[in-house]
Amino acid sequence: MAYNLEGRVAVVTGATGGMGRAIAAELYRQGATVVMTGRNIDKLNNLRDVIIKKVTSTSPKTPAPMGISLDLTATDVEKTLVEYTIRATNRLDILVNNAGNTDGKMFLKTNHDFLNRVMHINFTTPYFIMQAALPQMLKNKYGRIINITSIAGHSGDAGLSAYAASKGALAAASKSIAVEYGRRNITVNCVAPGTIDTDAVTKIPDAHQVEIKRAIPLRRYGKPEEVAALVAFLASEQASYINGQQILIDGGLIR
């Protein structure tokens, strides 16, 4: 499916992770200029080279993806990211808040430091990145914000109270921001993945993986490319009437 993102500039945080790689590649395929963030500049440069080699953009004018190494817990990181993007591309149309902390801990063992760390990376940082990006979108009279949340934030899960709270907070904030700025041609939506086949899945014991797949009506994990395809759609003109939604992509697990 072609969504014609030629001329659009997209920022993808956490681009070197499993879903982030797929999202960055798909937005590039659709013609967007992609700015990727990650902690390791070598990984970002390698990802750029892989995308250029393996992905064909729908637009011959699409420049190579570019990466900026950032610690998303740093003070004023949102200003650094947006200023870099504007200097490099002169605009910002699409923001994908993908970076996140997936650590889990049982409720009675959760302390202040753990909760604050998870909330900071999963809620506070994307919240203020949205705030920093919005003036540029208002200037362009076009904006697509896609926040990667989780089905845990929708339905909860054992050992993930902090994570679920952070993703639930991001989803709730997204709905309010969507109401505030919808009239300015800016949409804010969330994509809530279930279990996606990334490197993190390899850490799950085989017996537990069998149980997880048995609970999913499609009897398999999602693919990063399937998440990326949904993100690309939400970033496009074709999704212009979808706003303030959290779309579950979980194979039918949550019903």
C-alpha atoms as a PDB file:
ATOM      1  CA  MET A   1       0.000   0.000   0.000  1.00  0.00           C
ATOM      2  CA  ALA A   2       1.368   3.419  -0.965  1.00  0.00           C
ATOM      3  CA  TYR A   3       0.669   6.355   1.354  1.00  0.00           C
ATOM      4  CA  ASN A   4       2.734   9.057  -0.402  1.00  0.00           C
ATOM      5  CA  LEU A   5       4.673  10.645   2.443  1.00  0.00           C
ATOM      6  CA  GLU A   6       6.980  12.454   0.003  1.00  0.00           C
ATOM      7  CA  GLY A   7       8.054  15.797   1.432  1.00  0.00           C
ATOM      8  CA  ARG A   8       7.086  14.851   4.976  1.00  0.00           C
ATOM      9  CA  VAL A   9       9.643  14.698   7.775  1.00  0.00           C
ATOM     10  CA  ALA A  10       9.202  11.952  10.353  1.00  0.00           C
ATOM     11  CA  VAL A  11      10.939  11.538  13.702  1.00  0.00           C
ATOM     12  CA  VAL A  12      11.133   8.005  15.118  1.00  0.00           C
ATOM     13  CA  THR A  13      12.440   7.561  18.653  1.00  0.00           C
ATOM     14  CA  GLY A  14      13.990   4.263  19.698  1.00  0.00           C
ATOM     15  CA  ALA A  15      14.683   3.448  16.052  1.00  0.00           C
ATOM     16  CA  THR A  16      17.289   0.758  16.681  1.00  0.00           C
ATOM     17  CA  GLY A  17      14.840  -1.547  18.489  1.00  0.00           C
ATOM     18  CA  GLY A  18      12.840  -4.235  16.694  1.00  0.00           C
ATOM     19  CA  MET A  19       9.696  -2.209  16.058  1.00  0.00           C
ATOM     20  CA  GLY A  20      11.639   1.033  15.632  1.00  0.00           C
ATOM     21  CA  ARG A  21      13.717  -0.415  12.795  1.00  0.00           C
ATOM     22  CA  ALA A  22      10.614  -1.578  10.970  1.00  0.00           C
ATOM     23  CA  ILE A  23       8.830   1.764  11.476  1.00  0.00           C
ATOM     24  CA  ALA A  24      11.799   3.817  10.259  1.00  0.00           C
ATOM     25  CA  ALA A  25      12.176   1.573   7.196  1.00  0.00           C
ATOM     26  CA  GLU A  26       8.464   1.721   6.312  1.00  0.00           C
ATOM     27  CA  LEU A  27       8.242   5.502   6.612  1.00  0.00           C
ATOM     28  CA  TYR A  28      11.322   5.774   4.368  1.00  0.00           C
ATOM     29  CA  ARG A  29       9.691   3.362   1.918  1.00  0.00           C
ATOM     30  CA  GLN A  30       6.646   5.645   1.806  1.00  0.00           C
ATOM     31  CA  GLY A  31       8.809   8.625   0.859  1.00  0.00           C
ATOM     32  CA  ALA A  32       9.297  10.382   4.208  1.00  0.00           C
ATOM     33  CA  THR A  33      12.553  11.942   5.319  1.00  0.00           C
ATOM     34  CA  VAL A  34      13.282   9.982   8.499  1.00  0.00           C
ATOM     35  CA  VAL A  35      15.132  11.243  11.572  1.00  0.00           C
ATOM     36  CA  MET A  36      15.962   8.360  13.906  1.00  0.00           C
ATOM     37  CA  THR A  37      16.995   8.453  17.550  1.00  0.00           C
ATOM     38  CA  GLY A  38      18.868   5.885  19.617  1.00  0.00           C
ATOM     39  CA  ARG A  39      21.566   5.717  22.227  1.00  0.00           C
ATOM     40  CA  ASN A  40      24.261   4.272  19.955  1.00  0.00           C
ATOM     41  CA  ILE A  41      25.324   6.271  16.904  1.00  0.00           C
ATOM     42  CA  ASP A  42      27.053   3.257  15.355  1.00  0.00           C
ATOM     43  CA  LYS A  43      23.793   1.286  15.458  1.00  0.00           C
ATOM     44  CA  LEU A  44      21.960   4.237  13.934  1.00  0.00           C
ATOM     45  CA  ASN A  45      24.503   4.535  11.134  1.00  0.00           C
ATOM     46  CA  ASN A  46      24.288   0.807  10.491  1.00  0.00           C
ATOM     47  CA  LEU A  47      20.493   1.002  10.383  1.00  0.00           C
ATOM     48  CA  ARG A  48      20.700   3.867   7.898  1.00  0.00           C
ATOM     49  CA  ASP A  49      22.991   1.799   5.656  1.00  0.00           C
ATOM     50  CA  VAL A  50      20.696  -1.247   5.861  1.00  0.00           C
ATOM     51  CA  ILE A  51      17.622   0.799   4.991  1.00  0.00           C
ATOM     52  CA  ILE A  52      19.326   2.417   2.002  1.00  0.00           C
ATOM     53  CA  LYS A  53      20.526  -0.968   0.754  1.00  0.00           C
ATOM     54  CA  LYS A  54      17.372  -3.013   1.289  1.00  0.00           C
ATOM     55  CA  VAL A  55      14.453  -0.571   1.057  1.00  0.00           C
ATOM     56  CA  THR A  56      13.311   1.217  -2.079  1.00  0.00           C
ATOM     57  CA  SER A  57      11.527   4.501  -1.456  1.00  0.00           C
ATOM     58  CA  THR A  58       8.446   5.357  -3.486  1.00  0.00           C
ATOM     59  CA  SER A  59      10.071   8.727  -4.141  1.00  0.00           C
ATOM     60  CA  PRO A  60      13.470   9.110  -5.841  1.00  0.00           C
ATOM     61  CA  LYS A  61      13.871  12.394  -3.960  1.00  0.00           C
ATOM     62  CA  THR A  62      13.838  10.776  -0.513  1.00  0.00           C
ATOM     63  CA  PRO A  63      17.121  11.508   1.291  1.00  0.00           C
ATOM     64  CA  ALA A  64      18.908   8.872   3.344  1.00  0.00           C
ATOM     65  CA  PRO A  65      17.603   8.470   6.898  1.00  0.00           C
ATOM     66  CA  MET A  66      19.605  10.374   9.480  1.00  0.00           C
ATOM     67  CA  GLY A  67      20.299   9.503  13.086  1.00  0.00           C
ATOM     68  CA  ILE A  68      20.946  11.416  16.282  1.00  0.00           C
ATOM     69  CA  SER A  69      22.309   9.772  19.414  1.00  0.00           C
ATOM     70  CA  LEU A  70      20.223  10.817  22.413  1.00  0.00           C
ATOM     71  CA  ASP A  71      19.656   9.827  26.016  1.00  0.00           C
ATOM     72  CA  LEU A  72      15.913  10.288  26.283  1.00  0.00           C
ATOM     73  CA  THR A  73      16.165  10.687  30.044  1.00  0.00           C
ATOM     74  CA  ALA A  74      18.353  13.796  29.710  1.00  0.00           C
ATOM     75  CA  THR A  75      17.103  17.269  30.578  1.00  0.00           C
ATOM     76  CA  ASP A  76      15.681  19.206  27.622  1.00  0.00           C
ATOM     77  CA  VAL A  77      16.199  16.241  25.287  1.00  0.00           C
ATOM     78  CA  GLU A  78      12.995  17.193  23.471  1.00  0.00           C
ATOM     79  CA  LYS A  79      14.459  20.578  22.516  1.00  0.00           C
ATOM     80  CA  THR A  80      17.671  18.971  21.298  1.00  0.00           C
ATOM     81  CA  LEU A  81      15.729  16.533  19.117  1.00  0.00           C
ATOM     82  CA  VAL A  82      13.409  19.108  17.555  1.00  0.00           C
ATOM     83  CA  GLU A  83      16.189  21.656  16.999  1.00  0.00           C
ATOM     84  CA  TYR A  84      18.322  19.003  15.280  1.00  0.00           C
ATOM     85  CA  THR A  85      15.416  17.996  13.059  1.00  0.00           C
ATOM     86  CA  ILE A  86      14.632  21.555  12.005  1.00  0.00           C
ATOM     87  CA  ARG A  87      18.285  22.348  11.287  1.00  0.00           C
ATOM     88  CA  ALA A  88      18.639  19.202   9.197  1.00  0.00           C
ATOM     89  CA  THR A  89      15.297  19.208   7.349  1.00  0.00           C
ATOM     90  CA  ASN A  90      13.590  22.564   7.980  1.00  0.00           C
ATOM     91  CA  ARG A  91      10.309  20.956   9.097  1.00  0.00           C
ATOM     92  CA  LEU A  92       8.649  18.266  11.223  1.00  0.00           C
ATOM     93  CA  ASP A  93       5.395  16.609  10.171  1.00  0.00           C
ATOM     94  CA  ILE A  94       5.275  13.156  11.768  1.00  0.00           C
ATOM     95  CA  LEU A  95       6.316  12.093  15.251  1.00  0.00           C
ATOM     96  CA  VAL A  96       6.474   8.460  16.305  1.00  0.00           C
ATOM     97  CA  ASN A  97       7.165   8.077  20.028  1.00  0.00           C
ATOM     98  CA  ASN A  98       8.395   4.495  19.955  1.00  0.00           C
ATOM     99  CA  ALA A  99      11.196   4.413  22.534  1.00  0.00           C
ATOM    100  CA  GLY A 100      10.236   2.856  25.836  1.00  0.00           C
ATOM    101  CA  ASN A 101      11.195   0.984  28.969  1.00  0.00           C
ATOM    102  CA  THR A 102       9.640  -2.491  29.154  1.00  0.00           C
ATOM    103  CA  ASP A 103      11.003  -3.470  32.584  1.00  0.00           C
ATOM    104  CA  GLY A 104       8.610  -5.284  34.866  1.00  0.00           C
ATOM    105  CA  LYS A 105       8.467  -5.746  38.627  1.00  0.00           C
ATOM    106  CA  MET A 106       5.832  -7.165  40.945  1.00  0.00           C
ATOM    107  CA  PHE A 107       3.741  -4.505  42.634  1.00  0.00           C
ATOM    108  CA  LEU A 108       4.970  -5.092  46.194  1.00  0.00           C
ATOM    109  CA  LYS A 109       8.581  -4.845  45.002  1.00  0.00           C
ATOM    110  CA  THR A 110       8.087  -1.615  43.060  1.00  0.00           C
ATOM    111  CA  ASN A 111       9.880   1.329  44.672  1.00  0.00           C
ATOM    112  CA  HIS A 112       9.934   5.054  43.909  1.00  0.00           C
ATOM    113  CA  ASP A 113      13.088   4.930  41.789  1.00  0.00           C
ATOM    114  CA  PHE A 114      11.763   2.119  39.587  1.00  0.00           C
ATOM    115  CA  LEU A 115       8.364   3.753  39.087  1.00  0.00           C
ATOM    116  CA  ASN A 116       9.893   7.154  38.350  1.00  0.00           C
ATOM    117  CA  ARG A 117      12.316   5.659  35.802  1.00  0.00           C
ATOM    118  CA  VAL A 118       9.592   3.787  33.930  1.00  0.00           C
ATOM    119  CA  MET A 119       7.197   6.754  33.987  1.00  0.00           C
ATOM    120  CA  HIS A 120       9.918   9.128  32.816  1.00  0.00           C
ATOM    121  CA  ILE A 121      10.916   7.238  29.675  1.00  0.00           C
ATOM    122  CA  ASN A 122       7.425   5.953  28.796  1.00  0.00           C
ATOM    123  CA  PHE A 123       5.330   9.005  29.616  1.00  0.00           C
ATOM    124  CA  THR A 124       7.197  12.177  30.601  1.00  0.00           C
ATOM    125  CA  THR A 125       9.707  12.148  27.745  1.00  0.00           C
ATOM    126  CA  PRO A 126       7.206  11.466  24.923  1.00  0.00           C
ATOM    127  CA  TYR A 127       4.820  13.991  26.495  1.00  0.00           C
ATOM    128  CA  PHE A 128       7.373  16.781  26.222  1.00  0.00           C
ATOM    129  CA  ILE A 129       8.618  15.654  22.810  1.00  0.00           C
ATOM    130  CA  MET A 130       5.037  16.114  21.614  1.00  0.00           C
ATOM    131  CA  GLN A 131       4.995  19.551  23.213  1.00  0.00           C
ATOM    132  CA  ALA A 132       8.245  20.531  21.483  1.00  0.00           C
ATOM    133  CA  ALA A 133       7.125  19.177  18.105  1.00  0.00           C
ATOM    134  CA  LEU A 134       3.673  20.769  18.036  1.00  0.00           C
ATOM    135  CA  PRO A 135       4.733  24.359  17.184  1.00  0.00           C
ATOM    136  CA  GLN A 136       6.412  23.055  14.027  1.00  0.00           C
ATOM    137  CA  MET A 137       3.308  21.097  13.072  1.00  0.00           C
ATOM    138  CA  LEU A 138       1.132  24.140  13.707  1.00  0.00           C
ATOM    139  CA  LYS A 139       3.430  26.150  11.454  1.00  0.00           C
ATOM    140  CA  ASN A 140       3.065  23.538   8.693  1.00  0.00           C
ATOM    141  CA  LYS A 141      -0.706  23.169   9.291  1.00  0.00           C
ATOM    142  CA  TYR A 142      -0.179  19.413   9.291  1.00  0.00           C
ATOM    143  CA  GLY A 143       0.797  16.965  11.994  1.00  0.00           C
ATOM    144  CA  ARG A 144       0.614  13.275  12.707  1.00  0.00           C
ATOM    145  CA  ILE A 145       1.606  12.064  16.169  1.00  0.00           C
ATOM    146  CA  ILE A 146       1.656   8.316  16.740  1.00  0.00           C
ATOM    147  CA  ASN A 147       2.493   7.067  20.217  1.00  0.00           C
ATOM    148  CA  ILE A 148       3.421   3.424  20.680  1.00  0.00           C
ATOM    149  CA  THR A 149       1.627   2.270  23.813  1.00  0.00           C
ATOM    150  CA  SER A 150       0.782  -1.331  24.753  1.00  0.00           C
ATOM    151  CA  ILE A 151      -2.122  -3.662  25.414  1.00  0.00           C
ATOM    152  CA  ALA A 152      -0.785  -3.696  28.998  1.00  0.00           C
ATOM    153  CA  GLY A 153      -1.852  -0.065  29.298  1.00  0.00           C
ATOM    154  CA  HIS A 154      -5.301  -1.088  28.093  1.00  0.00           C
ATOM    155  CA  SER A 155      -5.926  -4.214  30.163  1.00  0.00           C
ATOM    156  CA  GLY A 156      -3.016  -4.532  32.637  1.00  0.00           C
ATOM    157  CA  ASP A 157      -0.804  -7.537  33.336  1.00  0.00           C
ATOM    158  CA  ALA A 158       0.845  -9.152  36.340  1.00  0.00           C
ATOM    159  CA  GLY A 159       4.263  -7.719  37.116  1.00  0.00           C
ATOM    160  CA  LEU A 160       3.700  -4.730  34.854  1.00  0.00           C
ATOM    161  CA  SER A 161       1.809  -2.253  37.035  1.00  0.00           C
ATOM    162  CA  ALA A 162       4.371   0.526  36.491  1.00  0.00           C
ATOM    163  CA  TYR A 163       4.675  -0.164  32.775  1.00  0.00           C
ATOM    164  CA  ALA A 164       0.912  -0.389  32.332  1.00  0.00           C
ATOM    165  CA  ALA A 165       0.424   2.859  34.240  1.00  0.00           C
ATOM    166  CA  SER A 166       2.970   4.677  32.065  1.00  0.00           C
ATOM    167  CA  LYS A 167       1.427   3.478  28.803  1.00  0.00           C
ATOM    168  CA  GLY A 168      -2.087   4.138  30.056  1.00  0.00           C
ATOM    169  CA  ALA A 169      -1.079   7.678  30.983  1.00  0.00           C
ATOM    170  CA  LEU A 170       0.376   8.249  27.513  1.00  0.00           C
ATOM    171  CA  ALA A 171      -2.826   7.000  25.887  1.00  0.00           C
ATOM    172  CA  ALA A 172      -4.978   9.273  28.075  1.00  0.00           C
ATOM    173  CA  ALA A 173      -2.809  12.323  27.380  1.00  0.00           C
ATOM    174  CA  SER A 174      -2.905  11.555  23.664  1.00  0.00           C
ATOM    175  CA  LYS A 175      -6.705  11.695  23.655  1.00  0.00           C
ATOM    176  CA  SER A 176      -6.700  15.118  25.304  1.00  0.00           C
ATOM    177  CA  ILE A 177      -4.062  16.519  22.950  1.00  0.00           C
ATOM    178  CA  ALA A 178      -6.044  15.124  20.023  1.00  0.00           C
ATOM    179  CA  VAL A 179      -9.092  17.105  21.175  1.00  0.00           C
ATOM    180  CA  GLU A 180      -7.072  20.302  21.596  1.00  0.00           C
ATOM    181  CA  TYR A 181      -5.393  20.296  18.189  1.00  0.00           C
ATOM    182  CA  GLY A 182      -7.664  18.325  15.868  1.00  0.00           C
ATOM    183  CA  ARG A 183      -9.104  21.541  14.448  1.00  0.00           C
ATOM    184  CA  ARG A 184      -5.574  22.514  13.380  1.00  0.00           C
ATOM    185  CA  ASN A 185      -5.147  19.432  11.140  1.00  0.00           C
ATOM    186  CA  ILE A 186      -3.059  17.614  13.743  1.00  0.00           C
ATOM    187  CA  THR A 187      -4.054  14.109  14.745  1.00  0.00           C
ATOM    188  CA  VAL A 188      -2.797  12.179  17.758  1.00  0.00           C
ATOM    189  CA  ASN A 189      -3.274   8.424  17.930  1.00  0.00           C
ATOM    190  CA  CYS A 190      -1.801   5.461  19.757  1.00  0.00           C
ATOM    191  CA  VAL A 191      -0.795   2.050  18.481  1.00  0.00           C
ATOM    192  CA  ALA A 192      -0.985  -0.595  21.211  1.00  0.00           C
ATOM    193  CA  PRO A 193       0.919  -3.757  20.234  1.00  0.00           C
ATOM    194  CA  GLY A 194       0.478  -7.126  21.840  1.00  0.00           C
ATOM    195  CA  THR A 195       3.365  -9.599  21.712  1.00  0.00           C
ATOM    196  CA  ILE A 196       5.516  -8.702  18.722  1.00  0.00           C
ATOM    197  CA  ASP A 197       8.275 -10.944  17.387  1.00  0.00           C
ATOM    198  CA  THR A 198      11.325  -8.890  18.389  1.00  0.00           C
ATOM    199  CA  ASP A 199      14.549  -9.713  20.195  1.00  0.00           C
ATOM    200  CA  ALA A 200      12.730  -9.353  23.512  1.00  0.00           C
ATOM    201  CA  VAL A 201      10.649 -12.457  22.738  1.00  0.00           C
ATOM    202  CA  THR A 202      13.745 -14.663  22.811  1.00  0.00           C
ATOM    203  CA  LYS A 203      14.012 -14.016  26.553  1.00  0.00           C
ATOM    204  CA  ILE A 204      10.627 -15.676  27.181  1.00  0.00           C
ATOM    205  CA  PRO A 205      10.904 -19.365  28.175  1.00  0.00           C
ATOM    206  CA  ASP A 206       9.696 -21.737  25.439  1.00  0.00           C
ATOM    207  CA  ALA A 207       6.916 -23.188  27.601  1.00  0.00           C
ATOM    208  CA  HIS A 208       5.549 -19.723  28.298  1.00  0.00           C
ATOM    209  CA  GLN A 209       5.727 -18.847  24.604  1.00  0.00           C
ATOM    210  CA  VAL A 210       3.470 -21.802  23.840  1.00  0.00           C
ATOM    211  CA  GLU A 211       0.927 -20.508  26.387  1.00  0.00           C
ATOM    212  CA  ILE A 212       1.062 -16.984  24.967  1.00  0.00           C
ATOM    213  CA  LYS A 213       0.465 -18.127  21.399  1.00  0.00           C
ATOM    214  CA  ARG A 214      -2.361 -20.414  22.482  1.00  0.00           C
ATOM    215  CA  ALA A 215      -4.164 -17.418  24.005  1.00  0.00           C
ATOM    216  CA  ILE A 216      -3.903 -15.389  20.784  1.00  0.00           C
ATOM    217  CA  PRO A 217      -6.705 -16.192  18.305  1.00  0.00           C
ATOM    218  CA  LEU A 218      -4.260 -15.936  15.382  1.00  0.00           C
ATOM    219  CA  ARG A 219      -1.930 -18.359  17.233  1.00  0.00           C
ATOM    220  CA  ARG A 220       1.189 -16.353  16.462  1.00  0.00           C
ATOM    221  CA  TYR A 221       3.105 -13.246  17.436  1.00  0.00           C
ATOM    222  CA  GLY A 222       2.769 -10.038  15.492  1.00  0.00           C
ATOM    223  CA  LYS A 223       5.469  -8.939  13.098  1.00  0.00           C
ATOM    224  CA  PRO A 224       7.285  -5.596  13.477  1.00  0.00           C
ATOM    225  CA  GLU A 225       6.392  -4.890   9.852  1.00  0.00           C
ATOM    226  CA  GLU A 226       2.695  -5.191  10.682  1.00  0.00           C
ATOM    227  CA  VAL A 227       3.037  -2.544  13.376  1.00  0.00           C
ATOM    228  CA  ALA A 228       5.034  -0.376  10.965  1.00  0.00           C
ATOM    229  CA  ALA A 229       2.336  -0.635   8.300  1.00  0.00           C
ATOM    230  CA  LEU A 230      -0.285   0.638  10.757  1.00  0.00           C
ATOM    231  CA  VAL A 231       1.979   3.513  11.817  1.00  0.00           C
ATOM    232  CA  ALA A 232       2.583   4.514   8.182  1.00  0.00           C
ATOM    233  CA  PHE A 233      -1.165   4.544   7.543  1.00  0.00           C
ATOM    234  CA  LEU A 234      -1.828   6.744  10.576  1.00  0.00           C
ATOM    235  CA  ALA A 235       0.925   9.105   9.374  1.00  0.00           C
ATOM    236  CA  SER A 236      -0.769   9.563   6.012  1.00  0.00           C
ATOM    237  CA  GLU A 237      -3.518  11.702   4.501  1.00  0.00           C
ATOM    238  CA  GLN A 238      -5.662   8.570   4.200  1.00  0.00           C
ATOM    239  CA  ALA A 239      -5.972   8.506   8.005  1.00  0.00           C
ATOM    240  CA  SER A 240      -6.943  12.161   8.310  1.00  0.00           C
ATOM    241  CA  TYR A 241     -10.263  11.369  10.047  1.00  0.00           C
ATOM    242  CA  ILE A 242      -8.760   9.059  12.665  1.00  0.00           C
ATOM    243  CA  ASN A 243      -7.971  11.042  15.793  1.00  0.00           C
ATOM    244  CA  GLY A 244      -7.697  10.385  19.518  1.00  0.00           C
ATOM    245  CA  GLN A 245      -7.768   6.606  19.107  1.00  0.00           C
ATOM    246  CA  GLN A 246      -5.782   3.750  20.616  1.00  0.00           C
ATOM    247  CA  ILE A 247      -5.643   0.945  18.064  1.00  0.00           C
ATOM    248  CA  LEU A 248      -4.828  -2.506  19.412  1.00  0.00           C
ATOM    249  CA  ILE A 249      -2.687  -4.706  17.186  1.00  0.00           C
ATOM    250  CA  ASP A 250      -2.610  -7.963  19.139  1.00  0.00           C
ATOM    251  CA  GLY A 251      -4.022 -10.723  16.970  1.00  0.00           C
ATOM    252  CA  GLY A 252      -7.382 -10.527  18.733  1.00  0.00           C
ATOM    253  CA  LEU A 253      -6.068 -11.222  22.245  1.00  0.00           C
ATOM    254  CA  ILE A 254      -7.989  -8.381  23.893  1.00  0.00           C
ATOM    255  CA  ARG A 255     -11.677  -8.616  23.064  1.00  0.00           C
END
